[in-house]
N, C-alpha and C. Protein backbone atom coordinates (compact mmCIF):
# COMPACT_ATOMS: atom_id res chain seq x y z
N MET A 1 -21.34 -25.72 5.94
CA MET A 1 -22.26 -24.71 5.99
C MET A 1 -21.61 -23.60 7.19
N LYS A 2 -20.40 -23.92 7.97
CA LYS A 2 -20.14 -23.24 8.63
C LYS A 2 -19.00 -22.12 8.11
N ASP A 3 -18.53 -22.35 7.03
CA ASP A 3 -17.47 -21.91 6.19
C ASP A 3 -18.34 -20.66 5.49
N PHE A 4 -19.41 -21.04 4.75
CA PHE A 4 -20.53 -20.09 4.32
C PHE A 4 -20.70 -18.90 5.12
N VAL A 5 -21.25 -19.29 6.46
CA VAL A 5 -21.48 -18.41 7.47
C VAL A 5 -20.44 -17.57 7.68
N ASP A 6 -19.29 -18.17 7.99
CA ASP A 6 -17.93 -17.33 8.00
C ASP A 6 -17.50 -16.29 7.19
N GLY A 7 -17.78 -16.93 5.92
CA GLY A 7 -17.37 -16.12 4.66
C GLY A 7 -18.50 -14.86 4.37
N THR A 8 -19.71 -15.06 4.75
CA THR A 8 -20.87 -14.30 4.59
C THR A 8 -20.53 -13.13 5.70
N ALA A 9 -20.21 -13.47 6.66
CA ALA A 9 -20.29 -12.40 7.80
C ALA A 9 -18.77 -11.53 7.50
N TYR A 10 -17.51 -12.21 7.19
CA TYR A 10 -16.73 -11.45 6.64
C TYR A 10 -16.86 -10.69 5.55
N SER A 11 -17.42 -10.85 4.75
CA SER A 11 -17.64 -10.16 3.46
C SER A 11 -18.72 -8.96 4.14
N ASN A 12 -19.85 -9.29 5.12
CA ASN A 12 -20.60 -8.09 5.52
C ASN A 12 -19.84 -7.17 6.13
N GLU A 13 -18.93 -7.61 7.00
CA GLU A 13 -18.04 -6.69 7.60
C GLU A 13 -16.73 -5.85 6.89
N GLN A 14 -16.46 -6.46 6.00
CA GLN A 14 -15.61 -5.71 4.83
C GLN A 14 -16.26 -4.78 4.19
N GLY A 15 -17.42 -4.92 3.53
CA GLY A 15 -18.38 -4.01 3.07
C GLY A 15 -18.81 -2.69 4.19
N ASN A 16 -18.87 -3.27 5.38
CA ASN A 16 -19.22 -2.13 6.17
C ASN A 16 -17.99 -1.01 6.38
N ARG A 17 -16.85 -1.60 6.60
CA ARG A 17 -15.59 -1.08 6.38
C ARG A 17 -15.36 -0.22 5.14
N ALA A 18 -15.71 -0.67 4.06
CA ALA A 18 -15.64 -0.01 2.80
C ALA A 18 -16.78 1.19 2.92
N ARG A 19 -18.11 1.06 3.36
CA ARG A 19 -18.69 2.16 3.41
C ARG A 19 -18.23 3.23 4.32
N LYS A 20 -17.83 2.90 5.46
CA LYS A 20 -17.40 3.98 6.40
C LYS A 20 -16.00 4.53 5.79
N LEU A 21 -15.32 3.99 5.13
CA LEU A 21 -14.00 4.60 4.38
C LEU A 21 -14.61 5.80 3.22
N PHE A 22 -15.70 5.22 2.53
CA PHE A 22 -16.17 6.02 1.58
C PHE A 22 -16.94 7.51 2.52
N ALA A 23 -17.75 7.04 3.38
CA ALA A 23 -18.41 8.10 4.21
C ALA A 23 -17.22 9.07 4.71
N ALA A 24 -16.08 8.76 5.18
CA ALA A 24 -15.24 9.67 5.56
C ALA A 24 -14.76 10.50 4.14
N VAL A 25 -14.56 9.95 3.25
CA VAL A 25 -14.33 11.01 1.93
C VAL A 25 -15.13 11.90 1.80
N VAL A 26 -16.43 11.52 2.04
CA VAL A 26 -17.85 12.46 1.60
C VAL A 26 -17.37 13.82 2.91
N LEU A 27 -17.36 13.32 4.17
CA LEU A 27 -16.97 14.23 5.11
C LEU A 27 -15.58 15.17 4.73
N ALA A 28 -14.77 14.53 4.36
CA ALA A 28 -13.42 15.47 3.87
C ALA A 28 -14.01 16.40 2.68
N ALA A 29 -14.74 15.85 1.78
CA ALA A 29 -15.03 16.80 0.76
C ALA A 29 -16.06 17.86 1.26
N LEU A 30 -16.90 17.79 2.40
CA LEU A 30 -17.54 18.53 2.69
C LEU A 30 -16.63 19.85 3.74
N ASP A 31 -16.09 19.17 4.33
CA ASP A 31 -14.57 20.20 4.95
C ASP A 31 -14.24 21.00 4.12
N ASP A 32 -13.53 20.44 2.92
CA ASP A 32 -13.00 21.09 1.77
C ASP A 32 -13.85 22.20 1.22
N ALA A 33 -15.06 21.78 1.07
CA ALA A 33 -15.89 22.87 0.46
C ALA A 33 -16.37 23.93 1.51
N ILE A 34 -16.33 23.60 3.02
CA ILE A 34 -16.23 24.49 3.87
C ILE A 34 -15.24 25.59 4.10
N ALA A 35 -14.15 25.14 3.90
CA ALA A 35 -12.93 25.83 3.50
C ALA A 35 -12.92 26.86 2.57
N ASP A 36 -13.46 26.26 1.46
CA ASP A 36 -13.28 27.07 0.37
C ASP A 36 -14.46 28.21 0.35
N ASP A 37 -15.68 27.78 0.85
CA ASP A 37 -16.45 28.76 1.32
C ASP A 37 -15.98 29.75 2.19
N LYS A 38 -15.14 29.63 3.17
CA LYS A 38 -14.48 30.76 3.83
C LYS A 38 -13.58 31.41 3.32
N LYS A 39 -12.66 30.88 2.41
CA LYS A 39 -11.66 31.38 1.64
C LYS A 39 -12.05 32.45 0.35
N TYR A 40 -12.97 31.69 -0.46
CA TYR A 40 -13.39 32.19 -1.69
C TYR A 40 -14.82 32.61 -1.92
N GLY A 41 -15.77 31.93 -0.94
CA GLY A 41 -17.03 32.18 -1.02
C GLY A 41 -17.96 31.23 -1.84
N ASN A 42 -17.11 30.33 -2.43
CA ASN A 42 -18.02 29.35 -3.29
C ASN A 42 -18.10 28.04 -2.93
N GLY A 43 -18.13 27.86 -1.74
CA GLY A 43 -18.31 26.24 -0.88
C GLY A 43 -19.42 25.38 -1.36
N PRO A 44 -20.73 26.12 -1.21
CA PRO A 44 -21.90 25.37 -1.98
C PRO A 44 -21.71 25.01 -3.44
N GLU A 45 -21.54 25.82 -4.23
CA GLU A 45 -21.24 25.64 -5.59
C GLU A 45 -20.24 24.19 -5.92
N GLN A 46 -19.09 24.38 -4.96
CA GLN A 46 -18.01 23.42 -5.14
C GLN A 46 -18.32 21.80 -4.80
N ILE A 47 -19.12 22.07 -3.77
CA ILE A 47 -19.71 20.72 -3.26
C ILE A 47 -20.69 20.29 -4.46
N ALA A 48 -21.58 20.98 -4.73
CA ALA A 48 -22.54 20.80 -5.80
C ALA A 48 -21.70 19.91 -7.13
N ARG A 49 -20.82 20.63 -7.70
CA ARG A 49 -20.11 20.31 -8.79
C ARG A 49 -19.52 19.06 -8.38
N TRP A 50 -18.71 18.99 -7.27
CA TRP A 50 -18.14 17.58 -7.06
C TRP A 50 -19.54 16.34 -6.84
N ALA A 51 -20.46 16.50 -6.28
CA ALA A 51 -21.80 15.93 -5.79
C ALA A 51 -21.97 15.22 -7.23
N ARG A 52 -22.02 16.23 -8.43
CA ARG A 52 -22.96 15.72 -9.35
C ARG A 52 -21.74 15.27 -10.36
N SER A 53 -20.62 15.23 -10.18
CA SER A 53 -19.60 14.69 -11.12
C SER A 53 -19.82 13.33 -10.90
N ARG A 54 -18.99 12.46 -12.03
CA ARG A 54 -19.08 10.91 -12.08
C ARG A 54 -18.44 10.67 -10.42
N ASP A 55 -17.55 10.95 -10.24
CA ASP A 55 -16.63 10.81 -9.16
C ASP A 55 -17.39 10.63 -7.71
N GLY A 56 -17.91 11.94 -7.81
CA GLY A 56 -18.64 12.08 -6.70
C GLY A 56 -19.88 11.19 -6.24
N ARG A 57 -20.62 11.21 -7.43
CA ARG A 57 -21.87 10.15 -7.33
C ARG A 57 -21.48 8.79 -7.07
N GLU A 58 -20.04 8.59 -7.47
CA GLU A 58 -19.57 6.90 -7.16
C GLU A 58 -19.52 7.01 -5.70
N VAL A 59 -18.67 7.97 -5.28
CA VAL A 59 -18.31 7.95 -3.98
C VAL A 59 -19.47 8.15 -3.02
N LEU A 60 -20.50 8.74 -3.39
CA LEU A 60 -21.91 8.99 -2.40
C LEU A 60 -22.48 7.54 -2.52
N THR A 61 -22.40 6.90 -3.63
CA THR A 61 -23.02 5.51 -3.87
C THR A 61 -22.28 4.46 -2.75
N CYS A 62 -20.90 4.39 -2.89
CA CYS A 62 -20.21 3.63 -2.21
C CYS A 62 -20.74 3.67 -0.81
N ALA A 63 -20.69 5.16 -0.50
CA ALA A 63 -20.86 5.41 1.18
C ALA A 63 -22.37 5.13 1.54
N GLY A 64 -23.05 4.69 0.65
CA GLY A 64 -24.63 4.23 1.09
C GLY A 64 -25.61 5.28 0.90
N ILE A 65 -25.04 6.47 0.13
CA ILE A 65 -26.08 7.63 0.05
C ILE A 65 -26.64 7.84 -1.38
N ASP A 66 -27.75 7.92 -1.63
CA ASP A 66 -28.40 7.89 -3.04
C ASP A 66 -27.81 9.58 -3.37
N PRO A 67 -27.18 9.85 -4.72
CA PRO A 67 -26.86 10.92 -4.94
C PRO A 67 -27.76 11.47 -6.02
N SER A 68 -29.09 12.11 -5.32
CA SER A 68 -29.99 12.65 -5.94
C SER A 68 -29.88 14.18 -5.76
N GLU A 69 -30.89 14.65 -6.66
CA GLU A 69 -30.71 16.20 -6.10
C GLU A 69 -30.88 16.74 -4.96
N ARG A 70 -32.10 16.20 -4.29
CA ARG A 70 -32.14 16.44 -2.67
C ARG A 70 -31.00 16.30 -1.85
N VAL A 71 -30.18 15.31 -2.09
CA VAL A 71 -28.95 14.90 -1.33
C VAL A 71 -27.78 16.15 -1.63
N VAL A 72 -27.91 16.53 -2.92
CA VAL A 72 -26.91 17.83 -3.31
C VAL A 72 -27.65 18.95 -2.66
N SER A 73 -28.62 19.19 -2.59
CA SER A 73 -29.10 20.39 -2.02
C SER A 73 -28.90 20.22 -0.46
N GLY A 74 -29.10 19.00 0.04
CA GLY A 74 -28.75 19.11 1.41
C GLY A 74 -27.26 19.35 1.69
N LEU A 75 -26.41 18.88 0.83
CA LEU A 75 -25.06 19.17 1.06
C LEU A 75 -24.77 20.43 0.89
N MET A 76 -25.21 21.11 -0.22
CA MET A 76 -24.90 22.49 -0.34
C MET A 76 -25.42 23.39 0.88
N GLU A 77 -26.63 23.22 1.58
CA GLU A 77 -27.30 23.78 2.60
C GLU A 77 -26.16 23.54 4.17
N PHE A 78 -25.80 22.48 3.80
CA PHE A 78 -24.68 22.05 5.17
C PHE A 78 -23.49 23.06 4.73
N VAL A 79 -23.01 23.05 3.92
CA VAL A 79 -21.69 23.86 3.71
C VAL A 79 -21.83 25.44 3.82
N ALA A 80 -23.19 25.89 3.26
CA ALA A 80 -23.67 27.16 3.63
C ALA A 80 -23.57 27.53 5.01
N LYS A 81 -24.18 26.56 6.00
CA LYS A 81 -24.04 26.54 7.49
C LYS A 81 -22.74 27.21 8.07
N GLY A 82 -21.57 26.36 7.27
CA GLY A 82 -20.25 26.76 7.51
C GLY A 82 -19.64 26.00 8.96
N VAL A 83 -20.35 25.06 9.52
CA VAL A 83 -20.20 24.26 10.57
C VAL A 83 -19.21 23.07 10.01
N ARG A 84 -17.93 22.90 10.47
CA ARG A 84 -17.18 21.41 10.13
C ARG A 84 -17.80 20.27 10.66
N THR A 85 -17.51 19.54 9.83
CA THR A 85 -17.80 17.97 10.30
C THR A 85 -17.82 17.39 11.64
N SER A 86 -16.46 17.63 11.92
CA SER A 86 -16.28 17.31 13.33
C SER A 86 -17.02 17.88 14.43
N VAL A 87 -17.08 19.28 14.35
CA VAL A 87 -18.01 19.90 14.98
C VAL A 87 -19.44 19.58 15.24
N ALA A 88 -20.09 19.40 13.80
CA ALA A 88 -21.40 18.89 13.57
C ALA A 88 -21.82 17.81 14.20
N LEU A 89 -20.79 16.66 14.28
CA LEU A 89 -21.09 15.35 14.61
C LEU A 89 -20.84 15.40 16.06
N SER A 90 -20.07 16.50 16.78
CA SER A 90 -19.84 16.44 18.21
C SER A 90 -21.22 16.09 19.04
N ARG A 91 -20.91 15.79 20.36
CA ARG A 91 -22.10 15.64 21.24
C ARG A 91 -22.39 17.21 21.50
N GLU A 92 -21.43 17.92 22.01
CA GLU A 92 -21.75 19.18 22.58
C GLU A 92 -22.58 20.23 21.61
N GLU A 93 -22.19 19.71 20.18
CA GLU A 93 -23.12 20.70 19.19
C GLU A 93 -24.50 20.13 19.22
N SER A 94 -24.41 19.05 19.33
CA SER A 94 -26.02 18.10 18.92
C SER A 94 -26.65 18.83 20.58
N GLU A 95 -25.95 18.63 21.46
CA GLU A 95 -26.61 19.34 22.81
C GLU A 95 -26.94 20.78 22.74
N ARG A 96 -26.25 21.69 21.97
CA ARG A 96 -26.31 23.11 21.75
C ARG A 96 -27.57 23.27 20.90
N ARG A 97 -27.62 22.41 19.89
CA ARG A 97 -28.62 22.64 19.11
C ARG A 97 -30.18 22.08 19.51
N ASN A 98 -30.17 20.86 20.12
CA ASN A 98 -31.37 20.61 20.80
C ASN A 98 -31.72 21.46 21.68
N ALA A 99 -31.09 22.49 22.49
CA ALA A 99 -31.22 23.13 23.39
C ALA A 99 -31.73 24.45 22.89
N ALA A 100 -31.33 25.02 21.79
CA ALA A 100 -31.82 26.29 21.06
C ALA A 100 -33.13 26.01 20.47
N MET A 101 -33.47 24.26 20.00
CA MET A 101 -34.55 24.13 19.54
C MET A 101 -35.80 24.41 20.50
N LEU A 102 -35.12 23.92 21.79
CA LEU A 102 -36.27 23.80 22.75
C LEU A 102 -36.61 25.31 23.35
N GLU A 103 -35.82 26.26 23.11
CA GLU A 103 -35.97 27.38 23.34
C GLU A 103 -36.82 28.13 22.52
N LEU A 104 -36.66 27.79 21.44
CA LEU A 104 -37.56 28.46 20.26
C LEU A 104 -38.91 27.57 20.27
N ASP A 105 -39.08 26.29 20.68
CA ASP A 105 -40.43 25.74 21.04
C ASP A 105 -41.32 26.59 22.12
N ALA A 106 -40.25 26.81 23.25
CA ALA A 106 -40.93 27.80 24.57
C ALA A 106 -41.41 28.97 24.13
N ALA A 107 -40.73 29.88 23.38
CA ALA A 107 -41.38 31.12 22.94
C ALA A 107 -42.44 31.21 22.15
């Protein structure tokens, strides 16, 4: 019984690691699309093309993200904002965004 529990815990841990790896690939694709948007102006179209491709759908699924059209439009909006993923995920950016929302609510 103990071997089964250890094996299950190990498998779950391996699955979580794999999901994080694929999530990192999605973040890299977003950063590439943002760079394309700044350079060529076609970032949202690039991320949409990637997300709708067979490889993109597979990566999104492995990252635990449903590859639906709603997700594709969300990825396109994120790229259109032009904020790199490392900045968007930082604490400072989150605090700045929350402060801006509070100012809007107060006005």
